[in-house]
Amino acid sequence: KGLLSLVNGVEISGTNEDGYEQLRDLLDIEKAID
C-alpha cells in the first residue's frame, strides 16, 4: 500500500504532546526545546 495522506498522531502516539513527553522523560528536564 502507498503512504496515506493523513497521519493520525493520536492513533500512533505521535502528537506534539508525545514528542514533549518523550524528550522530557529522556533528559529529565521540562521544556528542553519547543
PDB file of all heavy atoms in Angstrom:
ATOM      1  N   LYS A   1       0.841  -1.191   0.000  1.00  0.00           N
ATOM      2  CA  LYS A   1       0.000   0.000   0.000  1.00  0.00           C
ATOM      3  C   LYS A   1       0.873   1.237   0.000  1.00  0.00           C
ATOM      4  O   LYS A   1       1.933   1.256   0.630  1.00  0.00           O
ATOM      5  CB  LYS A   1      -0.895   0.014   1.240  1.00  0.00           C
ATOM      6  CG  LYS A   1      -1.935  -1.092   1.316  1.00  0.00           C
ATOM      7  CD  LYS A   1      -2.735  -0.969   2.601  1.00  0.00           C
ATOM      8  CE  LYS A   1      -3.769  -2.059   2.729  1.00  0.00           C
ATOM      9  NZ  LYS A   1      -4.518  -1.952   4.019  1.00  0.00           N
ATOM     10  N   GLY A   2       0.423   2.267  -0.675  1.00  0.00           N
ATOM     11  CA  GLY A   2       1.116   3.541  -0.607  1.00  0.00           C
ATOM     12  C   GLY A   2       0.872   4.224   0.730  1.00  0.00           C
ATOM     13  O   GLY A   2       0.015   3.821   1.519  1.00  0.00           O
ATOM     14  N   LEU A   3       1.626   5.268   0.998  1.00  0.00           N
ATOM     15  CA  LEU A   3       1.505   6.019   2.248  1.00  0.00           C
ATOM     16  C   LEU A   3       0.247   6.881   2.216  1.00  0.00           C
ATOM     17  O   LEU A   3       0.006   7.615   1.250  1.00  0.00           O
ATOM     18  CB  LEU A   3       2.744   6.903   2.443  1.00  0.00           C
ATOM     19  CG  LEU A   3       2.839   7.689   3.749  1.00  0.00           C
ATOM     20  CD1 LEU A   3       2.934   6.736   4.937  1.00  0.00           C
ATOM     21  CD2 LEU A   3       4.045   8.618   3.720  1.00  0.00           C
ATOM     22  N   LEU A   4      -0.544   6.807   3.264  1.00  0.00           N
ATOM     23  CA  LEU A   4      -1.758   7.616   3.336  1.00  0.00           C
ATOM     24  C   LEU A   4      -1.422   9.095   3.479  1.00  0.00           C
ATOM     25  O   LEU A   4      -0.398   9.462   4.074  1.00  0.00           O
ATOM     26  CB  LEU A   4      -2.619   7.175   4.518  1.00  0.00           C
ATOM     27  CG  LEU A   4      -3.275   5.792   4.427  1.00  0.00           C
ATOM     28  CD1 LEU A   4      -4.027   5.497   5.720  1.00  0.00           C
ATOM     29  CD2 LEU A   4      -4.218   5.712   3.232  1.00  0.00           C
ATOM     30  N   SER A   5      -2.300   9.944   2.965  1.00  0.00           N
ATOM     31  CA  SER A   5      -2.072  11.390   3.045  1.00  0.00           C
ATOM     32  C   SER A   5      -2.484  11.965   4.395  1.00  0.00           C
ATOM     33  O   SER A   5      -2.332  13.162   4.633  1.00  0.00           O
ATOM     34  CB  SER A   5      -2.843  12.112   1.940  1.00  0.00           C
ATOM     35  OG  SER A   5      -4.243  11.918   2.094  1.00  0.00           O
ATOM     36  N   LEU A   6      -3.002  11.119   5.289  1.00  0.00           N
ATOM     37  CA  LEU A   6      -3.361  11.560   6.638  1.00  0.00           C
ATOM     38  C   LEU A   6      -2.657  10.672   7.653  1.00  0.00           C
ATOM     39  O   LEU A   6      -2.777   9.452   7.598  1.00  0.00           O
ATOM     40  CB  LEU A   6      -4.878  11.484   6.857  1.00  0.00           C
ATOM     41  CG  LEU A   6      -5.361  11.759   8.290  1.00  0.00           C
ATOM     42  CD1 LEU A   6      -5.050  13.203   8.685  1.00  0.00           C
ATOM     43  CD2 LEU A   6      -6.852  11.468   8.427  1.00  0.00           C
ATOM     44  N   VAL A   7      -1.905  11.302   8.553  1.00  0.00           N
ATOM     45  CA  VAL A   7      -1.267  10.583   9.648  1.00  0.00           C
ATOM     46  C   VAL A   7      -1.949  11.006  10.938  1.00  0.00           C
ATOM     47  O   VAL A   7      -1.871  12.176  11.335  1.00  0.00           O
ATOM     48  CB  VAL A   7       0.247  10.880   9.721  1.00  0.00           C
ATOM     49  CG1 VAL A   7       0.857  10.218  10.947  1.00  0.00           C
ATOM     50  CG2 VAL A   7       0.943  10.407   8.455  1.00  0.00           C
ATOM     51  N   ASN A   8      -2.622  10.064  11.574  1.00  0.00           N
ATOM     52  CA  ASN A   8      -3.324  10.345  12.826  1.00  0.00           C
ATOM     53  C   ASN A   8      -2.348  10.179  13.983  1.00  0.00           C
ATOM     54  O   ASN A   8      -2.084   9.059  14.433  1.00  0.00           O
ATOM     55  CB  ASN A   8      -4.519   9.404  12.979  1.00  0.00           C
ATOM     56  CG  ASN A   8      -5.418   9.802  14.140  1.00  0.00           C
ATOM     57  OD1 ASN A   8      -4.947  10.303  15.161  1.00  0.00           O
ATOM     58  ND2 ASN A   8      -6.710   9.580  13.983  1.00  0.00           N
ATOM     59  N   GLY A   9      -1.824  11.305  14.454  1.00  0.00           N
ATOM     60  CA  GLY A   9      -0.840  11.259  15.520  1.00  0.00           C
ATOM     61  C   GLY A   9      -1.366  10.649  16.805  1.00  0.00           C
ATOM     62  O   GLY A   9      -0.619  10.031  17.562  1.00  0.00           O
ATOM     63  N   VAL A  10      -2.663  10.803  17.056  1.00  0.00           N
ATOM     64  CA  VAL A  10      -3.252  10.248  18.278  1.00  0.00           C
ATOM     65  C   VAL A  10      -3.204   8.727  18.243  1.00  0.00           C
ATOM     66  O   VAL A  10      -2.865   8.074  19.227  1.00  0.00           O
ATOM     67  CB  VAL A  10      -4.707  10.738  18.448  1.00  0.00           C
ATOM     68  CG1 VAL A  10      -5.343  10.095  19.669  1.00  0.00           C
ATOM     69  CG2 VAL A  10      -4.741  12.260  18.569  1.00  0.00           C
ATOM     70  N   GLU A  11      -3.506   8.144  17.070  1.00  0.00           N
ATOM     71  CA  GLU A  11      -3.547   6.695  16.952  1.00  0.00           C
ATOM     72  C   GLU A  11      -2.169   6.061  17.081  1.00  0.00           C
ATOM     73  O   GLU A  11      -2.029   4.948  17.601  1.00  0.00           O
ATOM     74  CB  GLU A  11      -4.177   6.292  15.618  1.00  0.00           C
ATOM     75  CG  GLU A  11      -5.671   6.553  15.527  1.00  0.00           C
ATOM     76  CD  GLU A  11      -6.249   6.038  14.224  1.00  0.00           C
ATOM     77  OE1 GLU A  11      -5.462   5.577  13.361  1.00  0.00           O
ATOM     78  OE2 GLU A  11      -7.484   6.107  14.062  1.00  0.00           O
ATOM     79  N   ILE A  12      -1.132   6.742  16.610  1.00  0.00           N
ATOM     80  CA  ILE A  12       0.212   6.151  16.620  1.00  0.00           C
ATOM     81  C   ILE A  12       1.071   6.683  17.763  1.00  0.00           C
ATOM     82  O   ILE A  12       2.279   6.439  17.796  1.00  0.00           O
ATOM     83  CB  ILE A  12       0.935   6.395  15.280  1.00  0.00           C
ATOM     84  CG1 ILE A  12       1.201   7.906  15.065  1.00  0.00           C
ATOM     85  CG2 ILE A  12       0.145   5.814  14.120  1.00  0.00           C
ATOM     86  CD1 ILE A  12       2.115   8.200  13.892  1.00  0.00           C
ATOM     87  N   SER A  13       0.454   7.396  18.707  1.00  0.00           N
ATOM     88  CA  SER A  13       1.216   8.043  19.801  1.00  0.00           C
ATOM     89  C   SER A  13       2.297   8.945  19.227  1.00  0.00           C
ATOM     90  O   SER A  13       3.461   8.915  19.646  1.00  0.00           O
ATOM     91  CB  SER A  13       1.842   6.982  20.725  1.00  0.00           C
ATOM     92  OG  SER A  13       0.842   6.207  21.345  1.00  0.00           O
ATOM     93  N   GLY A  14       1.883   9.734  18.248  1.00  0.00           N
ATOM     94  CA  GLY A  14       2.814  10.627  17.573  1.00  0.00           C
ATOM     95  C   GLY A  14       2.265  12.038  17.486  1.00  0.00           C
ATOM     96  O   GLY A  14       2.113  12.586  16.395  1.00  0.00           O
ATOM     97  N   THR A  15       1.951  12.629  18.640  1.00  0.00           N
ATOM     98  CA  THR A  15       1.461  14.005  18.691  1.00  0.00           C
ATOM     99  C   THR A  15       2.529  14.917  19.296  1.00  0.00           C
ATOM    100  O   THR A  15       3.564  14.455  19.779  1.00  0.00           O
ATOM    101  CB  THR A  15       0.196  14.100  19.559  1.00  0.00           C
ATOM    102  OG1 THR A  15       0.529  13.730  20.915  1.00  0.00           O
ATOM    103  CG2 THR A  15      -0.894  13.178  19.046  1.00  0.00           C
ATOM    104  N   ASN A  16       2.266  16.222  19.269  1.00  0.00           N
ATOM    105  CA  ASN A  16       3.179  17.158  19.929  1.00  0.00           C
ATOM    106  C   ASN A  16       3.357  16.823  21.402  1.00  0.00           C
ATOM    107  O   ASN A  16       4.453  16.926  21.954  1.00  0.00           O
ATOM    108  CB  ASN A  16       2.639  18.593  19.792  1.00  0.00           C
ATOM    109  CG  ASN A  16       2.983  19.218  18.462  1.00  0.00           C
ATOM    110  OD1 ASN A  16       3.896  18.774  17.769  1.00  0.00           O
ATOM    111  ND2 ASN A  16       2.248  20.249  18.088  1.00  0.00           N
ATOM    112  N   GLU A  17       2.251  16.425  22.031  1.00  0.00           N
ATOM    113  CA  GLU A  17       2.326  16.071  23.452  1.00  0.00           C
ATOM    114  C   GLU A  17       3.230  14.859  23.668  1.00  0.00           C
ATOM    115  O   GLU A  17       4.021  14.821  24.614  1.00  0.00           O
ATOM    116  CB  GLU A  17       0.917  15.771  23.994  1.00  0.00           C
ATOM    117  CG  GLU A  17      -0.009  16.980  24.042  1.00  0.00           C
ATOM    118  CD  GLU A  17      -0.818  17.171  22.773  1.00  0.00           C
ATOM    119  OE1 GLU A  17      -0.433  16.598  21.732  1.00  0.00           O
ATOM    120  OE2 GLU A  17      -1.827  17.883  22.815  1.00  0.00           O
ATOM    121  N   ASP A  18       3.147  13.888  22.742  1.00  0.00           N
ATOM    122  CA  ASP A  18       4.019  12.709  22.846  1.00  0.00           C
ATOM    123  C   ASP A  18       5.487  13.105  22.669  1.00  0.00           C
ATOM    124  O   ASP A  18       6.360  12.611  23.387  1.00  0.00           O
ATOM    125  CB  ASP A  18       3.634  11.674  21.789  1.00  0.00           C
ATOM    126  CG  ASP A  18       2.273  11.055  22.051  1.00  0.00           C
ATOM    127  OD1 ASP A  18       2.071  10.528  23.150  1.00  0.00           O
ATOM    128  OD2 ASP A  18       1.418  11.112  21.152  1.00  0.00           O
ATOM    129  N   GLY A  19       5.738  14.003  21.707  1.00  0.00           N
ATOM    130  CA  GLY A  19       7.103  14.451  21.484  1.00  0.00           C
ATOM    131  C   GLY A  19       7.688  15.140  22.698  1.00  0.00           C
ATOM    132  O   GLY A  19       8.844  14.926  23.068  1.00  0.00           O
ATOM    133  N   TYR A  20       6.861  15.986  23.330  1.00  0.00           N
ATOM    134  CA  TYR A  20       7.308  16.694  24.535  1.00  0.00           C
ATOM    135  C   TYR A  20       7.609  15.711  25.663  1.00  0.00           C
ATOM    136  O   TYR A  20       8.650  15.798  26.324  1.00  0.00           O
ATOM    137  CB  TYR A  20       6.230  17.676  24.975  1.00  0.00           C
ATOM    138  CG  TYR A  20       6.508  18.333  26.306  1.00  0.00           C
ATOM    139  CD1 TYR A  20       7.361  19.432  26.392  1.00  0.00           C
ATOM    140  CD2 TYR A  20       5.945  17.837  27.479  1.00  0.00           C
ATOM    141  CE1 TYR A  20       7.639  20.029  27.614  1.00  0.00           C
ATOM    142  CE2 TYR A  20       6.214  18.422  28.702  1.00  0.00           C
ATOM    143  CZ  TYR A  20       7.060  19.517  28.766  1.00  0.00           C
ATOM    144  OH  TYR A  20       7.337  20.091  29.983  1.00  0.00           O
ATOM    145  N   GLU A  21       6.714  14.762  25.870  1.00  0.00           N
ATOM    146  CA  GLU A  21       6.877  13.811  26.972  1.00  0.00           C
ATOM    147  C   GLU A  21       8.072  12.891  26.761  1.00  0.00           C
ATOM    148  O   GLU A  21       8.793  12.552  27.708  1.00  0.00           O
ATOM    149  CB  GLU A  21       5.594  12.988  27.137  1.00  0.00           C
ATOM    150  CG  GLU A  21       4.420  13.820  27.647  1.00  0.00           C
ATOM    151  CD  GLU A  21       3.075  13.145  27.414  1.00  0.00           C
ATOM    152  OE1 GLU A  21       3.076  11.971  26.955  1.00  0.00           O
ATOM    153  OE2 GLU A  21       2.037  13.779  27.686  1.00  0.00           O
ATOM    154  N   GLN A  22       8.312  12.504  25.505  1.00  0.00           N
ATOM    155  CA  GLN A  22       9.455  11.640  25.209  1.00  0.00           C
ATOM    156  C   GLN A  22      10.770  12.331  25.543  1.00  0.00           C
ATOM    157  O   GLN A  22      11.666  11.738  26.167  1.00  0.00           O
ATOM    158  CB  GLN A  22       9.431  11.237  23.730  1.00  0.00           C
ATOM    159  CG  GLN A  22       8.330  10.255  23.380  1.00  0.00           C
ATOM    160  CD  GLN A  22       8.032  10.205  21.897  1.00  0.00           C
ATOM    161  OE1 GLN A  22       8.559  11.000  21.103  1.00  0.00           O
ATOM    162  NE2 GLN A  22       7.168   9.280  21.498  1.00  0.00           N
ATOM    163  N   LEU A  23      10.896  13.599  25.139  1.00  0.00           N
ATOM    164  CA  LEU A  23      12.139  14.322  25.405  1.00  0.00           C
ATOM    165  C   LEU A  23      12.287  14.634  26.893  1.00  0.00           C
ATOM    166  O   LEU A  23      13.389  14.538  27.460  1.00  0.00           O
ATOM    167  CB  LEU A  23      12.177  15.612  24.584  1.00  0.00           C
ATOM    168  CG  LEU A  23      13.487  16.394  24.619  1.00  0.00           C
ATOM    169  CD1 LEU A  23      14.646  15.543  24.113  1.00  0.00           C
ATOM    170  CD2 LEU A  23      13.387  17.671  23.785  1.00  0.00           C
ATOM    171  N   ARG A  24      11.184  14.989  27.545  1.00  0.00           N
ATOM    172  CA  ARG A  24      11.219  15.274  28.973  1.00  0.00           C
ATOM    173  C   ARG A  24      11.680  14.056  29.775  1.00  0.00           C
ATOM    174  O   ARG A  24      12.551  14.155  30.643  1.00  0.00           O
ATOM    175  CB  ARG A  24       9.823  15.693  29.439  1.00  0.00           C
ATOM    176  CG  ARG A  24       9.709  15.968  30.945  1.00  0.00           C
ATOM    177  CD  ARG A  24       8.256  15.933  31.384  1.00  0.00           C
ATOM    178  NE  ARG A  24       7.672  14.593  31.179  1.00  0.00           N
ATOM    179  CZ  ARG A  24       6.374  14.347  31.200  1.00  0.00           C
ATOM    180  NH1 ARG A  24       5.495  15.321  31.376  1.00  0.00           N
ATOM    181  NH2 ARG A  24       5.928  13.110  31.027  1.00  0.00           N
ATOM    182  N   ASP A  25      11.118  12.908  29.461  1.00  0.00           N
ATOM    183  CA  ASP A  25      11.469  11.698  30.201  1.00  0.00           C
ATOM    184  C   ASP A  25      12.902  11.256  29.931  1.00  0.00           C
ATOM    185  O   ASP A  25      13.562  10.688  30.801  1.00  0.00           O
ATOM    186  CB  ASP A  25      10.503  10.561  29.834  1.00  0.00           C
ATOM    187  CG  ASP A  25       9.069  10.859  30.252  1.00  0.00           C
ATOM    188  OD1 ASP A  25       8.878  11.773  31.086  1.00  0.00           O
ATOM    189  OD2 ASP A  25       8.147  10.202  29.735  1.00  0.00           O
ATOM    190  N   LEU A  26      13.374  11.529  28.722  1.00  0.00           N
ATOM    191  CA  LEU A  26      14.720  11.097  28.343  1.00  0.00           C
ATOM    192  C   LEU A  26      15.796  11.956  29.004  1.00  0.00           C
ATOM    193  O   LEU A  26      16.811  11.448  29.493  1.00  0.00           O
ATOM    194  CB  LEU A  26      14.857  11.149  26.815  1.00  0.00           C
ATOM    195  CG  LEU A  26      15.931  10.271  26.164  1.00  0.00           C
ATOM    196  CD1 LEU A  26      15.717   8.806  26.500  1.00  0.00           C
ATOM    197  CD2 LEU A  26      15.887  10.459  24.648  1.00  0.00           C
ATOM    198  N   LEU A  27      15.577  13.277  29.018  1.00  0.00           N
ATOM    199  CA  LEU A  27      16.585  14.198  29.550  1.00  0.00           C
ATOM    200  C   LEU A  27      16.332  14.601  30.997  1.00  0.00           C
ATOM    201  O   LEU A  27      17.164  15.274  31.614  1.00  0.00           O
ATOM    202  CB  LEU A  27      16.645  15.462  28.675  1.00  0.00           C
ATOM    203  CG  LEU A  27      17.012  15.263  27.197  1.00  0.00           C
ATOM    204  CD1 LEU A  27      17.116  16.615  26.492  1.00  0.00           C
ATOM    205  CD2 LEU A  27      18.319  14.494  27.042  1.00  0.00           C
ATOM    206  N   ASP A  28      15.152  14.237  31.512  1.00  0.00           N
ATOM    207  CA  ASP A  28      14.803  14.570  32.901  1.00  0.00           C
ATOM    208  C   ASP A  28      14.710  16.075  33.146  1.00  0.00           C
ATOM    209  O   ASP A  28      15.031  16.560  34.237  1.00  0.00           O
ATOM    210  CB  ASP A  28      15.811  13.965  33.896  1.00  0.00           C
ATOM    211  CG  ASP A  28      15.805  12.450  33.848  1.00  0.00           C
ATOM    212  OD1 ASP A  28      14.714  11.870  33.719  1.00  0.00           O
ATOM    213  OD2 ASP A  28      16.891  11.851  33.940  1.00  0.00           O
ATOM    214  N   ILE A  29      14.294  16.816  32.134  1.00  0.00           N
ATOM    215  CA  ILE A  29      14.062  18.257  32.308  1.00  0.00           C
ATOM    216  C   ILE A  29      12.812  18.652  31.541  1.00  0.00           C
ATOM    217  O   ILE A  29      12.462  18.041  30.531  1.00  0.00           O
ATOM    218  CB  ILE A  29      15.261  19.122  31.834  1.00  0.00           C
ATOM    219  CG1 ILE A  29      15.601  18.830  30.363  1.00  0.00           C
ATOM    220  CG2 ILE A  29      16.464  18.943  32.710  1.00  0.00           C
ATOM    221  CD1 ILE A  29      16.671  19.742  29.813  1.00  0.00           C
ATOM    222  N   GLU A  30      12.150  19.669  32.031  1.00  0.00           N
ATOM    223  CA  GLU A  30      10.946  20.171  31.385  1.00  0.00           C
ATOM    224  C   GLU A  30      11.305  21.153  30.268  1.00  0.00           C
ATOM    225  O   GLU A  30      12.225  21.958  30.414  1.00  0.00           O
ATOM    226  CB  GLU A  30      10.047  20.886  32.399  1.00  0.00           C
ATOM    227  CG  GLU A  30       9.495  19.983  33.504  1.00  0.00           C
ATOM    228  CD  GLU A  30       8.346  19.121  33.035  1.00  0.00           C
ATOM    229  OE1 GLU A  30       7.846  19.370  31.924  1.00  0.00           O
ATOM    230  OE2 GLU A  30       7.959  18.202  33.783  1.00  0.00           O
ATOM    231  N   LYS A  31      10.590  21.059  29.172  1.00  0.00           N
ATOM    232  CA  LYS A  31      10.689  22.015  28.065  1.00  0.00           C
ATOM    233  C   LYS A  31      12.133  22.274  27.642  1.00  0.00           C
ATOM    234  O   LYS A  31      12.606  23.405  27.603  1.00  0.00           O
ATOM    235  CB  LYS A  31      10.011  23.341  28.449  1.00  0.00           C
ATOM    236  CG  LYS A  31       9.540  24.134  27.239  1.00  0.00           C
ATOM    237  CD  LYS A  31       8.729  25.346  27.657  1.00  0.00           C
ATOM    238  CE  LYS A  31       8.219  26.096  26.438  1.00  0.00           C
ATOM    239  NZ  LYS A  31       7.440  27.283  26.772  1.00  0.00           N
ATOM    240  N   ALA A  32      12.818  21.181  27.314  1.00  0.00           N
ATOM    241  CA  ALA A  32      14.198  21.315  26.831  1.00  0.00           C
ATOM    242  C   ALA A  32      14.236  22.070  25.500  1.00  0.00           C
ATOM    243  O   ALA A  32      15.172  22.810  25.214  1.00  0.00           O
ATOM    244  CB  ALA A  32      14.825  19.936  26.670  1.00  0.00           C
ATOM    245  N   ILE A  33      13.188  21.885  24.694  1.00  0.00           N
ATOM    246  CA  ILE A  33      13.114  22.551  23.390  1.00  0.00           C
ATOM    247  C   ILE A  33      11.641  22.691  23.036  1.00  0.00           C
ATOM    248  O   ILE A  33      10.812  21.886  23.463  1.00  0.00           O
ATOM    249  CB  ILE A  33      13.865  21.727  22.310  1.00  0.00           C
ATOM    250  CG1 ILE A  33      14.023  22.525  21.011  1.00  0.00           C
ATOM    251  CG2 ILE A  33      13.181  20.405  22.053  1.00  0.00           C
ATOM    252  CD1 ILE A  33      14.904  21.826  19.989  1.00  0.00           C
ATOM    253  N   ASP A  34      11.291  23.726  22.298  1.00  0.00           N
ATOM    254  CA  ASP A  34       9.895  23.949  21.922  1.00  0.00           C
ATOM    255  C   ASP A  34       9.467  22.983  20.818  1.00  0.00           C
ATOM    256  O   ASP A  34      10.140  22.858  19.793  1.00  0.00           O
ATOM    257  CB  ASP A  34       9.691  25.387  21.433  1.00  0.00           C
ATOM    258  CG  ASP A  34       9.856  26.397  22.557  1.00  0.00           C
ATOM    259  OD1 ASP A  34       9.591  26.032  23.714  1.00  0.00           O
ATOM    260  OD2 ASP A  34      10.255  27.547  22.274  1.00  0.00           O
TER     261      ASP A  34
END
